[in-house]
């Protein structure tokens, strides 16, 4: 636990935490833009795509921040971080009906992966 505290206080640790929190803020801002935009508009499509793209990295960055706050016993930061974490997870989980770039990509990516990792049919060399 001392190593976590030492890393979070170092310059590289502070830079990583700041980048993580920047991702969280951008994700939440695009979620607000998505919520306030007209349904089926280009603006909403872009905002939903950016939110869907940044949600998972935001959850990971915020979880790391909450863990560090827990280690250093900063209980206010733990509670506030958990609130933001749960809000992002809730918005990500319950807003699946939006049109975004990722919609339908799961099946396409699975099909692509199956083709890439499938055994190639090998032809036997001609016997002479």
Protein backbone atom coordinates (compact mmCIF):
# COMPACT_ATOMS: atom_id res chain seq x y z
CA UNK A 1 0.00 0.00 0.00
CA UNK A 2 2.94 2.30 0.61
CA UNK A 3 4.00 1.77 -3.00
CA UNK A 4 0.56 2.90 -4.21
CA UNK A 5 0.79 6.02 -2.07
CA UNK A 6 4.34 6.72 -3.26
CA UNK A 7 3.38 6.25 -6.92
CA UNK A 8 0.32 8.47 -6.64
CA UNK A 9 2.46 11.22 -5.17
CA UNK A 10 5.18 11.00 -7.82
CA UNK A 11 5.23 13.09 -10.97
CA UNK A 12 4.48 10.17 -13.36
CA UNK A 13 1.64 9.07 -11.07
CA UNK A 14 0.17 12.55 -10.98
CA UNK A 15 0.36 12.80 -14.78
CA UNK A 16 -1.38 9.45 -15.24
CA UNK A 17 -4.09 10.37 -12.73
CA UNK A 18 -4.63 13.72 -14.44
CA UNK A 19 -4.93 12.04 -17.85
CA UNK A 20 -7.39 9.54 -16.39
CA UNK A 21 -9.52 12.27 -14.87
CA UNK A 22 -9.43 14.17 -18.17
CA UNK A 23 -10.86 11.10 -19.90
CA UNK A 24 -13.58 10.91 -17.24
CA UNK A 25 -14.52 14.58 -17.71
CA UNK A 26 -14.60 14.30 -21.51
CA UNK A 27 -16.75 11.16 -21.26
CA UNK A 28 -19.25 12.84 -18.93
CA UNK A 29 -19.36 15.99 -21.09
CA UNK A 30 -20.15 13.98 -24.22
CA UNK A 31 -22.83 12.13 -22.29
CA UNK A 32 -24.43 15.48 -21.43
CA UNK A 33 -24.19 16.60 -25.08
CA UNK A 34 -25.82 13.33 -26.13
CA UNK A 35 -28.62 13.77 -23.63
CA UNK A 36 -29.34 17.35 -24.72
CA UNK A 37 -29.14 16.74 -28.48
CA UNK A 38 -32.03 16.08 -30.81
CA UNK A 39 -32.69 12.32 -31.29
CA UNK A 40 -31.34 10.85 -34.54
CA UNK A 41 -29.16 13.89 -35.24
CA UNK A 42 -25.51 13.82 -36.28
CA UNK A 43 -24.51 15.64 -33.10
CA UNK A 44 -26.18 12.96 -30.98
CA UNK A 45 -24.57 10.19 -33.07
CA UNK A 46 -21.08 11.64 -32.53
CA UNK A 47 -21.66 12.29 -28.82
CA UNK A 48 -23.00 8.78 -28.28
CA UNK A 49 -20.05 7.27 -30.14
CA UNK A 50 -17.50 9.23 -28.10
CA UNK A 51 -19.30 8.34 -24.85
CA UNK A 52 -19.40 4.62 -25.75
CA UNK A 53 -15.72 4.73 -26.71
CA UNK A 54 -14.55 6.48 -23.53
CA UNK A 55 -16.86 4.83 -20.99
CA UNK A 56 -14.72 1.77 -20.28
CA UNK A 57 -11.41 3.70 -19.99
CA UNK A 58 -13.24 6.23 -17.79
CA UNK A 59 -14.47 3.51 -15.46
CA UNK A 60 -10.97 2.05 -15.19
CA UNK A 61 -9.35 5.45 -14.57
CA UNK A 62 -11.94 6.43 -12.00
CA UNK A 63 -11.67 3.05 -10.26
CA UNK A 64 -7.91 3.58 -9.95
CA UNK A 65 -8.49 7.03 -8.49
CA UNK A 66 -11.01 5.64 -5.99
CA UNK A 67 -8.55 2.88 -5.02
CA UNK A 68 -5.79 5.41 -4.39
CA UNK A 69 -8.18 7.57 -2.35
CA UNK A 70 -9.11 4.47 -0.35
CA UNK A 71 -5.45 3.68 0.34
CA UNK A 72 -4.71 7.20 1.55
CA UNK A 73 -7.98 7.23 3.57
CA UNK A 74 -9.51 10.20 1.81
CA UNK A 75 -13.11 9.19 2.44
CA UNK A 76 -14.71 12.20 0.77
CA UNK A 77 -12.78 11.43 -2.42
CA UNK A 78 -13.82 7.76 -2.17
CA UNK A 79 -17.51 8.66 -1.91
CA UNK A 80 -17.39 11.25 -4.69
CA UNK A 81 -15.38 8.93 -6.94
CA UNK A 82 -17.80 6.05 -6.36
CA UNK A 83 -20.70 8.34 -7.24
CA UNK A 84 -19.09 9.29 -10.56
CA UNK A 85 -18.14 5.66 -11.19
CA UNK A 86 -21.67 4.39 -10.63
CA UNK A 87 -23.16 7.21 -12.73
CA UNK A 88 -20.95 6.32 -15.71
CA UNK A 89 -21.67 2.60 -15.36
CA UNK A 90 -25.41 3.29 -15.06
CA UNK A 91 -25.47 5.53 -18.15
CA UNK A 92 -23.37 3.05 -20.14
CA UNK A 93 -25.51 0.07 -19.15
CA UNK A 94 -29.00 1.51 -19.58
CA UNK A 95 -28.62 3.62 -22.74
CA UNK A 96 -28.16 0.93 -25.36
CA UNK A 97 -30.87 2.06 -27.78
CA UNK A 98 -28.76 4.93 -29.11
CA UNK A 99 -27.49 4.96 -32.65
CA UNK A 100 -23.69 5.06 -32.57
CA UNK A 101 -20.75 3.77 -34.54
CA UNK A 102 -20.35 0.75 -32.24
CA UNK A 103 -23.90 -0.51 -32.80
CA UNK A 104 -23.67 -3.84 -34.61
CA UNK A 105 -19.87 -3.87 -34.52
CA UNK A 106 -19.76 -6.78 -32.05
CA UNK A 107 -21.03 -9.31 -34.58
CA UNK A 108 -18.85 -7.85 -37.32
CA UNK A 109 -15.73 -7.96 -35.11
CA UNK A 110 -16.55 -11.53 -34.02
CA UNK A 111 -16.94 -12.60 -37.66
CA UNK A 112 -13.63 -10.93 -38.54
CA UNK A 113 -11.86 -12.60 -35.58
CA UNK A 114 -13.28 -15.99 -36.53
CA UNK A 115 -11.95 -15.58 -40.06
CA UNK A 116 -8.54 -14.42 -38.83
CA UNK A 117 -8.02 -17.17 -36.26
CA UNK A 118 -9.64 -20.03 -38.18
CA UNK A 119 -7.28 -22.69 -39.45
CA UNK A 120 -6.33 -22.03 -43.04
CA UNK A 121 -7.13 -24.88 -45.37
CA UNK A 122 -3.80 -26.27 -46.48
CA UNK A 123 -3.31 -27.94 -49.78
CA UNK A 124 -1.13 -30.99 -50.00
CA UNK A 125 1.93 -30.65 -52.23
CA UNK A 126 1.72 -32.48 -55.51
CA UNK A 127 3.36 -35.85 -55.49
CA UNK A 128 5.73 -36.27 -58.40
